[in-house]
Amino acid sequence: MARWQPNASQRLVAAALDLFAERGYENTTVIDIAQRAGLTKSTFFRHFPDKREVLFGRDTMTGLLANGIAAAPAAAAPLEAVAHALDAVGREAFTPDRRAFTARRRAVIATHPELQEREALKGLALTAAMAGALQRRGVPDLTARVAAELGALAMKIAFERWSDTSNAEDFGELARRTLRDLQEAGASC
């Protein structure tokens, strides 16, 4: 396959996911991934720094969250701005056509501690991105941090529910409902 063909990054991700599921993360090399995708090792490294990063994308999700918060109406309360960002994630990243892929990705990550660690680090970065975006809106630090933590928890729970292939709900709606449920749970503590 010629190197100039489109979607090299997507092909690498799909190849890595297949190989991690078939052979295990530890038994898959960058060369294996590149070959499965019909690309070269150097093409792999143009897109990803190592095999661990292939399932985590670049800063796409942090950008979606930060931009979604920034685009929320000026009068939106902090949690409403977070909900606005979760809607953007649903429109741009967690679309119905990605549900099956996402379920497979979750299953692979759940079986490999190194990938679980990377997923946890990504979660911290997402929370920090939301807190920073809220602070740029003028939200006080503590309030921004609490709203970001609640938003991250809502996103995690909604993501787990949404990525179940038997679930047909829209991610944005599911995330908003989860965020409301968390607010109610916090109020009753």
N, C-alpha and C. Protein backbone atom coordinates (compact mmCIF):
# COMPACT_ATOMS: atom_id res chain seq x y z
N MET A 1 0.84 -1.17 0.00
CA MET A 1 0.00 0.00 0.00
C MET A 1 0.89 1.24 0.00
N ALA A 2 0.58 2.16 -0.87
CA ALA A 2 1.41 3.35 -0.99
C ALA A 2 1.27 4.23 0.24
N ARG A 3 2.39 4.88 0.60
CA ARG A 3 2.40 5.70 1.81
C ARG A 3 1.51 6.92 1.70
N TRP A 4 1.23 7.37 0.48
CA TRP A 4 0.47 8.60 0.32
C TRP A 4 -1.02 8.40 0.50
N GLN A 5 -1.48 7.17 0.60
CA GLN A 5 -2.91 6.93 0.74
C GLN A 5 -3.43 7.59 2.01
N PRO A 6 -4.66 8.05 1.96
CA PRO A 6 -5.21 8.80 3.09
C PRO A 6 -5.46 7.95 4.33
N ASN A 7 -5.72 8.65 5.42
CA ASN A 7 -6.13 8.04 6.69
C ASN A 7 -5.07 7.16 7.33
N ALA A 8 -3.82 7.50 7.19
CA ALA A 8 -2.76 6.68 7.79
C ALA A 8 -2.95 6.57 9.30
N SER A 9 -3.28 7.66 9.95
CA SER A 9 -3.45 7.63 11.40
C SER A 9 -4.59 6.69 11.80
N GLN A 10 -5.71 6.79 11.11
CA GLN A 10 -6.85 5.92 11.41
C GLN A 10 -6.52 4.46 11.13
N ARG A 11 -5.78 4.21 10.08
CA ARG A 11 -5.40 2.83 9.76
C ARG A 11 -4.46 2.27 10.83
N LEU A 12 -3.58 3.10 11.33
CA LEU A 12 -2.67 2.65 12.40
C LEU A 12 -3.44 2.33 13.67
N VAL A 13 -4.40 3.15 14.00
CA VAL A 13 -5.21 2.91 15.20
C VAL A 13 -5.99 1.61 15.05
N ALA A 14 -6.62 1.41 13.91
CA ALA A 14 -7.40 0.18 13.68
C ALA A 14 -6.49 -1.05 13.73
N ALA A 15 -5.32 -0.95 13.11
CA ALA A 15 -4.38 -2.08 13.11
C ALA A 15 -3.91 -2.39 14.53
N ALA A 16 -3.59 -1.35 15.29
CA ALA A 16 -3.13 -1.55 16.67
C ALA A 16 -4.22 -2.20 17.51
N LEU A 17 -5.43 -1.72 17.38
CA LEU A 17 -6.53 -2.28 18.16
C LEU A 17 -6.73 -3.76 17.82
N ASP A 18 -6.71 -4.08 16.55
CA ASP A 18 -6.84 -5.49 16.14
C ASP A 18 -5.71 -6.34 16.72
N LEU A 19 -4.49 -5.86 16.59
CA LEU A 19 -3.33 -6.64 17.07
C LEU A 19 -3.31 -6.75 18.59
N PHE A 20 -3.64 -5.67 19.30
CA PHE A 20 -3.68 -5.75 20.76
C PHE A 20 -4.73 -6.76 21.21
N ALA A 21 -5.87 -6.79 20.49
CA ALA A 21 -6.92 -7.76 20.84
C ALA A 21 -6.50 -9.19 20.51
N GLU A 22 -5.81 -9.37 19.39
CA GLU A 22 -5.40 -10.71 18.95
C GLU A 22 -4.21 -11.25 19.73
N ARG A 23 -3.17 -10.44 19.86
CA ARG A 23 -1.89 -10.91 20.42
C ARG A 23 -1.61 -10.43 21.83
N GLY A 24 -2.30 -9.37 22.22
CA GLY A 24 -1.98 -8.71 23.47
C GLY A 24 -1.08 -7.52 23.22
N TYR A 25 -1.16 -6.56 24.10
CA TYR A 25 -0.38 -5.34 23.97
C TYR A 25 1.12 -5.64 24.02
N GLU A 26 1.52 -6.48 24.97
CA GLU A 26 2.94 -6.77 25.17
C GLU A 26 3.56 -7.49 23.98
N ASN A 27 2.76 -8.26 23.25
CA ASN A 27 3.27 -9.07 22.14
C ASN A 27 3.12 -8.39 20.78
N THR A 28 2.82 -7.12 20.78
CA THR A 28 2.66 -6.37 19.53
C THR A 28 3.73 -5.29 19.46
N THR A 29 4.39 -5.18 18.32
CA THR A 29 5.43 -4.16 18.13
C THR A 29 4.92 -3.06 17.20
N VAL A 30 5.62 -1.96 17.20
CA VAL A 30 5.32 -0.87 16.28
C VAL A 30 5.42 -1.37 14.84
N ILE A 31 6.40 -2.19 14.56
CA ILE A 31 6.56 -2.73 13.20
C ILE A 31 5.34 -3.57 12.83
N ASP A 32 4.85 -4.38 13.77
CA ASP A 32 3.64 -5.18 13.51
C ASP A 32 2.46 -4.27 13.15
N ILE A 33 2.31 -3.21 13.91
CA ILE A 33 1.19 -2.28 13.67
C ILE A 33 1.33 -1.63 12.30
N ALA A 34 2.50 -1.12 12.01
CA ALA A 34 2.73 -0.46 10.72
C ALA A 34 2.49 -1.43 9.56
N GLN A 35 3.00 -2.65 9.68
CA GLN A 35 2.81 -3.62 8.62
C GLN A 35 1.34 -3.96 8.43
N ARG A 36 0.61 -4.16 9.53
CA ARG A 36 -0.82 -4.48 9.43
C ARG A 36 -1.57 -3.34 8.74
N ALA A 37 -1.15 -2.11 8.98
CA ALA A 37 -1.80 -0.95 8.36
C ALA A 37 -1.31 -0.70 6.94
N GLY A 38 -0.31 -1.45 6.52
CA GLY A 38 0.24 -1.25 5.18
C GLY A 38 1.12 -0.02 5.09
N LEU A 39 1.78 0.31 6.19
CA LEU A 39 2.61 1.50 6.26
C LEU A 39 4.00 1.14 6.78
N THR A 40 4.85 2.12 6.87
CA THR A 40 6.20 1.90 7.36
C THR A 40 6.31 2.32 8.83
N LYS A 41 7.35 1.85 9.46
CA LYS A 41 7.64 2.23 10.85
C LYS A 41 7.80 3.75 10.97
N SER A 42 8.47 4.36 10.01
CA SER A 42 8.67 5.81 10.09
C SER A 42 7.34 6.56 9.96
N THR A 43 6.41 6.03 9.19
CA THR A 43 5.08 6.64 9.11
C THR A 43 4.38 6.54 10.46
N PHE A 44 4.51 5.39 11.13
CA PHE A 44 3.94 5.25 12.47
C PHE A 44 4.45 6.37 13.37
N PHE A 45 5.76 6.57 13.39
CA PHE A 45 6.34 7.56 14.30
C PHE A 45 6.05 9.00 13.89
N ARG A 46 5.61 9.22 12.67
CA ARG A 46 5.15 10.57 12.30
C ARG A 46 3.81 10.88 12.96
N HIS A 47 3.08 9.84 13.29
CA HIS A 47 1.75 10.03 13.87
C HIS A 47 1.71 9.82 15.38
N PHE A 48 2.55 8.92 15.89
CA PHE A 48 2.51 8.57 17.32
C PHE A 48 3.92 8.39 17.86
N PRO A 49 4.15 8.82 19.11
CA PRO A 49 5.50 8.68 19.67
C PRO A 49 5.85 7.25 20.07
N ASP A 50 4.83 6.43 20.38
CA ASP A 50 5.08 5.03 20.75
C ASP A 50 3.78 4.25 20.63
N LYS A 51 3.85 2.94 20.82
CA LYS A 51 2.65 2.13 20.62
C LYS A 51 1.58 2.38 21.67
N ARG A 52 1.97 2.83 22.83
CA ARG A 52 1.00 3.11 23.89
C ARG A 52 0.07 4.24 23.49
N GLU A 53 0.59 5.21 22.76
CA GLU A 53 -0.19 6.40 22.41
C GLU A 53 -1.16 6.18 21.26
N VAL A 54 -1.02 5.08 20.54
CA VAL A 54 -1.82 4.88 19.34
C VAL A 54 -3.33 4.83 19.63
N LEU A 55 -3.72 4.40 20.81
CA LEU A 55 -5.15 4.34 21.14
C LEU A 55 -5.67 5.59 21.84
N PHE A 56 -4.83 6.59 22.00
CA PHE A 56 -5.23 7.75 22.80
C PHE A 56 -5.30 9.05 22.03
N GLY A 57 -5.04 9.01 20.76
CA GLY A 57 -5.15 10.22 19.96
C GLY A 57 -4.22 11.31 20.43
N ARG A 58 -4.34 12.41 19.81
CA ARG A 58 -3.53 13.56 20.23
C ARG A 58 -4.30 14.30 21.30
N ASP A 59 -4.38 15.59 21.20
CA ASP A 59 -5.11 16.37 22.20
C ASP A 59 -6.52 16.70 21.73
N THR A 60 -7.08 15.83 20.91
CA THR A 60 -8.41 16.08 20.34
C THR A 60 -9.45 16.29 21.41
N MET A 61 -9.54 15.39 22.37
CA MET A 61 -10.58 15.48 23.39
C MET A 61 -10.38 16.69 24.29
N THR A 62 -9.14 16.99 24.68
CA THR A 62 -8.92 18.17 25.52
C THR A 62 -9.34 19.43 24.78
N GLY A 63 -9.05 19.48 23.49
CA GLY A 63 -9.46 20.63 22.68
C GLY A 63 -10.96 20.75 22.58
N LEU A 64 -11.65 19.62 22.37
CA LEU A 64 -13.11 19.65 22.29
C LEU A 64 -13.72 20.17 23.60
N LEU A 65 -13.21 19.68 24.72
CA LEU A 65 -13.74 20.10 26.01
C LEU A 65 -13.47 21.58 26.28
N ALA A 66 -12.24 22.00 26.07
CA ALA A 66 -11.89 23.41 26.31
C ALA A 66 -12.67 24.34 25.38
N ASN A 67 -12.75 23.98 24.11
CA ASN A 67 -13.49 24.81 23.16
C ASN A 67 -14.98 24.81 23.45
N GLY A 68 -15.51 23.66 23.88
CA GLY A 68 -16.92 23.58 24.23
C GLY A 68 -17.27 24.46 25.41
N ILE A 69 -16.40 24.49 26.40
CA ILE A 69 -16.62 25.38 27.56
C ILE A 69 -16.51 26.83 27.14
N ALA A 70 -15.53 27.14 26.32
CA ALA A 70 -15.36 28.52 25.86
C ALA A 70 -16.56 28.99 25.03
N ALA A 71 -17.17 28.06 24.29
CA ALA A 71 -18.30 28.42 23.42
C ALA A 71 -19.64 28.46 24.14
N ALA A 72 -19.68 28.04 25.39
CA ALA A 72 -20.93 28.08 26.15
C ALA A 72 -21.39 29.53 26.29
N PRO A 73 -22.70 29.73 26.40
CA PRO A 73 -23.20 31.10 26.58
C PRO A 73 -22.52 31.79 27.77
N ALA A 74 -22.29 33.07 27.64
CA ALA A 74 -21.57 33.82 28.68
C ALA A 74 -22.24 33.72 30.04
N ALA A 75 -23.55 33.61 30.08
CA ALA A 75 -24.28 33.55 31.34
C ALA A 75 -24.36 32.14 31.92
N ALA A 76 -23.80 31.15 31.22
CA ALA A 76 -23.90 29.76 31.69
C ALA A 76 -23.14 29.58 33.00
N ALA A 77 -23.78 28.89 33.93
CA ALA A 77 -23.11 28.51 35.18
C ALA A 77 -22.01 27.51 34.85
N PRO A 78 -21.04 27.33 35.75
CA PRO A 78 -19.93 26.43 35.45
C PRO A 78 -20.35 25.02 35.00
N LEU A 79 -21.28 24.39 35.68
CA LEU A 79 -21.69 23.05 35.26
C LEU A 79 -22.45 23.06 33.94
N GLU A 80 -23.15 24.13 33.65
CA GLU A 80 -23.82 24.24 32.35
C GLU A 80 -22.77 24.39 31.24
N ALA A 81 -21.70 25.11 31.51
CA ALA A 81 -20.61 25.22 30.52
C ALA A 81 -19.96 23.86 30.30
N VAL A 82 -19.80 23.09 31.37
CA VAL A 82 -19.26 21.74 31.24
C VAL A 82 -20.22 20.87 30.42
N ALA A 83 -21.51 20.97 30.69
CA ALA A 83 -22.50 20.21 29.92
C ALA A 83 -22.44 20.59 28.44
N HIS A 84 -22.22 21.86 28.17
CA HIS A 84 -22.08 22.34 26.79
C HIS A 84 -20.88 21.64 26.12
N ALA A 85 -19.79 21.50 26.86
CA ALA A 85 -18.60 20.82 26.34
C ALA A 85 -18.87 19.34 26.11
N LEU A 86 -19.60 18.71 27.02
CA LEU A 86 -19.93 17.29 26.84
C LEU A 86 -20.81 17.08 25.61
N ASP A 87 -21.68 18.04 25.33
CA ASP A 87 -22.47 17.98 24.10
C ASP A 87 -21.55 17.99 22.88
N ALA A 88 -20.54 18.86 22.91
CA ALA A 88 -19.60 18.95 21.80
C ALA A 88 -18.86 17.63 21.61
N VAL A 89 -18.47 17.00 22.71
CA VAL A 89 -17.80 15.70 22.62
C VAL A 89 -18.72 14.68 21.95
N GLY A 90 -19.99 14.71 22.32
CA GLY A 90 -20.95 13.79 21.71
C GLY A 90 -21.13 14.03 20.22
N ARG A 91 -21.14 15.28 19.81
CA ARG A 91 -21.31 15.60 18.39
C ARG A 91 -20.08 15.26 17.57
N GLU A 92 -18.88 15.47 18.16
CA GLU A 92 -17.64 15.35 17.39
C GLU A 92 -16.90 14.04 17.56
N ALA A 93 -16.95 13.45 18.73
CA ALA A 93 -16.11 12.28 19.00
C ALA A 93 -16.89 11.00 19.27
N PHE A 94 -17.90 11.09 20.10
CA PHE A 94 -18.64 9.89 20.49
C PHE A 94 -19.94 9.82 19.68
N THR A 95 -19.76 9.56 18.41
CA THR A 95 -20.88 9.47 17.48
C THR A 95 -21.31 8.01 17.36
N PRO A 96 -22.55 7.77 16.94
CA PRO A 96 -23.03 6.38 16.85
C PRO A 96 -22.14 5.46 16.02
N ASP A 97 -21.53 5.99 14.97
CA ASP A 97 -20.69 5.14 14.12
C ASP A 97 -19.38 4.74 14.80
N ARG A 98 -19.04 5.34 15.93
CA ARG A 98 -17.81 5.01 16.64
C ARG A 98 -18.05 4.12 17.87
N ARG A 99 -19.30 3.80 18.14
CA ARG A 99 -19.64 3.05 19.35
C ARG A 99 -18.98 1.67 19.38
N ALA A 100 -19.05 0.91 18.30
CA ALA A 100 -18.46 -0.44 18.28
C ALA A 100 -16.94 -0.37 18.45
N PHE A 101 -16.29 0.58 17.76
CA PHE A 101 -14.85 0.75 17.91
C PHE A 101 -14.50 1.09 19.36
N THR A 102 -15.27 1.98 19.95
CA THR A 102 -15.01 2.42 21.31
C THR A 102 -15.17 1.27 22.30
N ALA A 103 -16.15 0.43 22.09
CA ALA A 103 -16.34 -0.74 22.97
C ALA A 103 -15.14 -1.68 22.87
N ARG A 104 -14.65 -1.90 21.67
CA ARG A 104 -13.46 -2.74 21.49
C ARG A 104 -12.24 -2.11 22.15
N ARG A 105 -12.09 -0.80 22.00
CA ARG A 105 -10.96 -0.07 22.59
C ARG A 105 -11.00 -0.21 24.11
N ARG A 106 -12.17 -0.01 24.70
CA ARG A 106 -12.32 -0.15 26.16
C ARG A 106 -11.93 -1.54 26.62
N ALA A 107 -12.35 -2.57 25.87
CA ALA A 107 -12.04 -3.95 26.25
C ALA A 107 -10.53 -4.20 26.22
N VAL A 108 -9.86 -3.68 25.22
CA VAL A 108 -8.40 -3.86 25.12
C VAL A 108 -7.71 -3.13 26.26
N ILE A 109 -8.11 -1.91 26.53
CA ILE A 109 -7.49 -1.13 27.61
C ILE A 109 -7.70 -1.82 28.96
N ALA A 110 -8.86 -2.40 29.16
CA ALA A 110 -9.18 -3.04 30.44
C ALA A 110 -8.28 -4.25 30.74
N THR A 111 -7.64 -4.80 29.72
CA THR A 111 -6.82 -6.00 29.94
C THR A 111 -5.33 -5.71 30.02
N HIS A 112 -4.93 -4.45 29.90
CA HIS A 112 -3.51 -4.13 29.88
C HIS A 112 -3.20 -2.99 30.84
N PRO A 113 -2.47 -3.27 31.92
CA PRO A 113 -2.18 -2.23 32.93
C PRO A 113 -1.50 -0.98 32.38
N GLU A 114 -0.62 -1.13 31.42
CA GLU A 114 0.05 0.05 30.87
C GLU A 114 -0.95 0.95 30.14
N LEU A 115 -1.91 0.36 29.47
CA LEU A 115 -2.93 1.14 28.79
C LEU A 115 -3.92 1.74 29.81
N GLN A 116 -4.19 1.02 30.87
CA GLN A 116 -5.05 1.56 31.94
C GLN A 116 -4.40 2.79 32.57
N GLU A 117 -3.10 2.70 32.77
CA GLU A 117 -2.37 3.85 33.33
C GLU A 117 -2.47 5.05 32.39
N ARG A 118 -2.30 4.81 31.11
CA ARG A 118 -2.36 5.90 30.13
C ARG A 118 -3.76 6.50 30.08
N GLU A 119 -4.78 5.65 30.20
CA GLU A 119 -6.16 6.12 30.21
C GLU A 119 -6.41 7.01 31.44
N ALA A 120 -5.87 6.61 32.58
CA ALA A 120 -6.01 7.42 33.80
C ALA A 120 -5.31 8.77 33.64
N LEU A 121 -4.14 8.78 33.04
CA LEU A 121 -3.43 10.04 32.79
C LEU A 121 -4.21 10.94 31.84
N LYS A 122 -4.81 10.32 30.85
CA LYS A 122 -5.63 11.10 29.92
C LYS A 122 -6.80 11.73 30.67
N GLY A 123 -7.41 10.97 31.58
CA GLY A 123 -8.51 11.51 32.38
C GLY A 123 -8.10 12.72 33.19
N LEU A 124 -6.90 12.66 33.77
CA LEU A 124 -6.39 13.81 34.52
C LEU A 124 -6.20 15.02 33.62
N ALA A 125 -5.69 14.79 32.42
CA ALA A 125 -5.49 15.89 31.47
C ALA A 125 -6.83 16.50 31.04
N LEU A 126 -7.85 15.67 30.87
CA LEU A 126 -9.17 16.18 30.49
C LEU A 126 -9.75 17.04 31.60
N THR A 127 -9.59 16.58 32.84
CA THR A 127 -10.08 17.34 33.98
C THR A 127 -9.36 18.69 34.07
N ALA A 128 -8.06 18.66 33.91
CA ALA A 128 -7.29 19.91 33.95
C ALA A 128 -7.69 20.85 32.82
N ALA A 129 -7.97 20.31 31.65
CA ALA A 129 -8.38 21.14 30.52
C ALA A 129 -9.72 21.82 30.81
N MET A 130 -10.64 21.08 31.42
CA MET A 130 -11.93 21.68 31.76
C MET A 130 -11.77 22.75 32.84
N ALA A 131 -10.98 22.46 33.86
CA ALA A 131 -10.75 23.45 34.93
C ALA A 131 -10.12 24.71 34.36
N GLY A 132 -9.12 24.55 33.50
CA GLY A 132 -8.47 25.70 32.90
C GLY A 132 -9.42 26.52 32.04
N ALA A 133 -10.27 25.84 31.27
CA ALA A 133 -11.24 26.54 30.43
C ALA A 133 -12.25 27.31 31.29
N LEU A 134 -12.66 26.72 32.39
CA LEU A 134 -13.58 27.41 33.29
C LEU A 134 -12.91 28.62 33.95
N GLN A 135 -11.67 28.47 34.35
CA GLN A 135 -10.94 29.59 34.95
C GLN A 135 -10.80 30.73 33.95
N ARG A 136 -10.58 30.40 32.67
CA ARG A 136 -10.47 31.45 31.65
C ARG A 136 -11.80 32.18 31.47
N ARG A 137 -12.90 31.56 31.86
CA ARG A 137 -14.22 32.21 31.82
C ARG A 137 -14.45 33.07 33.06
N GLY A 138 -13.48 33.07 33.98
CA GLY A 138 -13.60 33.87 35.19
C GLY A 138 -14.16 33.11 36.38
N VAL A 139 -14.29 31.80 36.25
CA VAL A 139 -14.80 30.99 37.37
C VAL A 139 -13.68 30.87 38.40
N PRO A 140 -13.99 31.10 39.68
CA PRO A 140 -12.96 30.97 40.72
C PRO A 140 -12.33 29.57 40.72
N ASP A 141 -11.09 29.50 41.14
CA ASP A 141 -10.31 28.26 41.06
C ASP A 141 -11.00 27.06 41.68
N LEU A 142 -11.44 27.16 42.91
CA LEU A 142 -12.05 26.01 43.58
C LEU A 142 -13.33 25.58 42.87
N THR A 143 -14.15 26.52 42.49
CA THR A 143 -15.39 26.21 41.77
C THR A 143 -15.07 25.55 40.43
N ALA A 144 -14.08 26.06 39.74
CA ALA A 144 -13.68 25.49 38.46
C ALA A 144 -13.19 24.05 38.63
N ARG A 145 -12.41 23.83 39.67
CA ARG A 145 -11.89 22.48 39.91
C ARG A 145 -13.01 21.50 40.25
N VAL A 146 -13.95 21.92 41.08
CA VAL A 146 -15.08 21.05 41.45
C VAL A 146 -15.93 20.75 40.22
N ALA A 147 -16.26 21.77 39.45
CA ALA A 147 -17.07 21.57 38.25
C ALA A 147 -16.35 20.66 37.25
N ALA A 148 -15.05 20.84 37.11
CA ALA A 148 -14.27 20.00 36.20
C ALA A 148 -14.25 18.54 36.68
N GLU A 149 -14.07 18.35 37.98
CA GLU A 149 -14.07 16.98 38.53
C GLU A 149 -15.43 16.32 38.32
N LEU A 150 -16.51 17.05 38.58
CA LEU A 150 -17.84 16.49 38.34
C LEU A 150 -18.05 16.20 36.86
N GLY A 151 -17.59 17.11 36.03
CA GLY A 151 -17.69 16.91 34.59
C GLY A 151 -16.92 15.68 34.13
N ALA A 152 -15.72 15.50 34.67
CA ALA A 152 -14.91 14.35 34.30
C ALA A 152 -15.57 13.05 34.76
N LEU A 153 -16.13 13.05 35.97
CA LEU A 153 -16.81 11.86 36.46
C LEU A 153 -18.05 11.57 35.62
N ALA A 154 -18.81 12.60 35.29
CA ALA A 154 -19.98 12.42 34.44
C ALA A 154 -19.58 11.88 33.07
N MET A 155 -18.49 12.41 32.53
CA MET A 155 -18.02 11.95 31.23
C MET A 155 -17.61 10.48 31.30
N LYS A 156 -16.91 10.11 32.35
CA LYS A 156 -16.46 8.72 32.49
C LYS A 156 -17.64 7.76 32.60
N ILE A 157 -18.59 8.09 33.46
CA ILE A 157 -19.75 7.22 33.64
C ILE A 157 -20.58 7.17 32.36
N ALA A 158 -20.82 8.31 31.74
CA ALA A 158 -21.59 8.35 30.50
C ALA A 158 -20.88 7.59 29.40
N PHE A 159 -19.56 7.71 29.35
CA PHE A 159 -18.78 6.99 28.34
C PHE A 159 -18.92 5.48 28.52
N GLU A 160 -18.83 5.02 29.77
CA GLU A 160 -18.98 3.59 30.03
C GLU A 160 -20.35 3.10 29.58
N ARG A 161 -21.37 3.87 29.87
CA ARG A 161 -22.74 3.49 29.48
C ARG A 161 -22.91 3.58 27.97
N TRP A 162 -22.44 4.66 27.38
CA TRP A 162 -22.60 4.89 25.95
C TRP A 162 -21.86 3.84 25.13
N SER A 163 -20.68 3.42 25.57
CA SER A 163 -19.88 2.49 24.77
C SER A 163 -20.38 1.06 24.84
N ASP A 164 -21.36 0.79 25.67
CA ASP A 164 -22.02 -0.51 25.66
C ASP A 164 -22.79 -0.59 24.34
N THR A 165 -22.45 -1.56 23.50
CA THR A 165 -23.04 -1.62 22.16
C THR A 165 -24.55 -1.85 22.17
N SER A 166 -25.11 -2.26 23.31
CA SER A 166 -26.57 -2.41 23.38
C SER A 166 -27.26 -1.09 23.68
N ASN A 167 -26.50 -0.05 23.97
CA ASN A 167 -27.04 1.26 24.29
C ASN A 167 -27.13 2.08 23.01
N ALA A 168 -28.27 2.67 22.76
CA ALA A 168 -28.46 3.48 21.54
C ALA A 168 -28.59 4.96 21.86
N GLU A 169 -28.38 5.35 23.12
CA GLU A 169 -28.54 6.75 23.51
C GLU A 169 -27.45 7.64 22.92
N ASP A 170 -27.80 8.89 22.73
CA ASP A 170 -26.87 9.91 22.30
C ASP A 170 -25.93 10.24 23.47
N PHE A 171 -24.63 10.36 23.20
CA PHE A 171 -23.69 10.62 24.28
C PHE A 171 -23.98 11.93 25.01
N GLY A 172 -24.26 12.99 24.27
CA GLY A 172 -24.49 14.28 24.91
C GLY A 172 -25.65 14.24 25.89
N GLU A 173 -26.76 13.62 25.48
CA GLU A 173 -27.92 13.51 26.36
C GLU A 173 -27.59 12.66 27.58
N LEU A 174 -26.91 11.56 27.35
CA LEU A 174 -26.52 10.67 28.44
C LEU A 174 -25.58 11.38 29.42
N ALA A 175 -24.64 12.14 28.90
CA ALA A 175 -23.69 12.86 29.75
C ALA A 175 -24.41 13.94 30.56
N ARG A 176 -25.33 14.67 29.94
CA ARG A 176 -26.08 15.69 30.68
C ARG A 176 -26.90 15.07 31.80
N ARG A 177 -27.58 13.95 31.51
CA ARG A 177 -28.37 13.27 32.54
C ARG A 177 -27.48 12.77 33.67
N THR A 178 -26.32 12.23 33.32
CA THR A 178 -25.38 11.75 34.33
C THR A 178 -24.88 12.90 35.18
N LEU A 179 -24.60 14.03 34.57
CA LEU A 179 -24.16 15.21 35.32
C LEU A 179 -25.24 15.66 36.31
N ARG A 180 -26.50 15.66 35.88
CA ARG A 180 -27.61 16.02 36.78
C ARG A 180 -27.72 15.00 37.93
N ASP A 181 -27.57 13.72 37.59
CA ASP A 181 -27.63 12.67 38.62
C ASP A 181 -26.53 12.85 39.68
N LEU A 182 -25.35 13.23 39.20
CA LEU A 182 -24.23 13.46 40.13
C LEU A 182 -24.51 14.66 41.03
N GLN A 183 -25.09 15.71 40.47
CA GLN A 183 -25.44 16.88 41.28
C GLN A 183 -26.44 16.49 42.37
N GLU A 184 -27.44 15.70 41.99
CA GLU A 184 -28.44 15.27 42.97
C GLU A 184 -27.80 14.38 44.04
N ALA A 185 -26.91 13.49 43.60
CA ALA A 185 -26.24 12.59 44.57
C ALA A 185 -25.40 13.42 45.54
N GLY A 186 -24.71 14.43 45.03
CA GLY A 186 -23.89 15.28 45.89
C GLY A 186 -24.73 16.07 46.87
N ALA A 187 -25.89 16.51 46.43
CA ALA A 187 -26.77 17.29 47.30
C ALA A 187 -27.36 16.44 48.43
N SER A 188 -27.46 15.13 48.20
CA SER A 188 -28.05 14.27 49.23
C SER A 188 -27.02 13.67 50.16
N CYS A 189 -25.76 14.00 49.97
CA CYS A 189 -24.70 13.45 50.83
C CYS A 189 -24.67 14.14 52.18
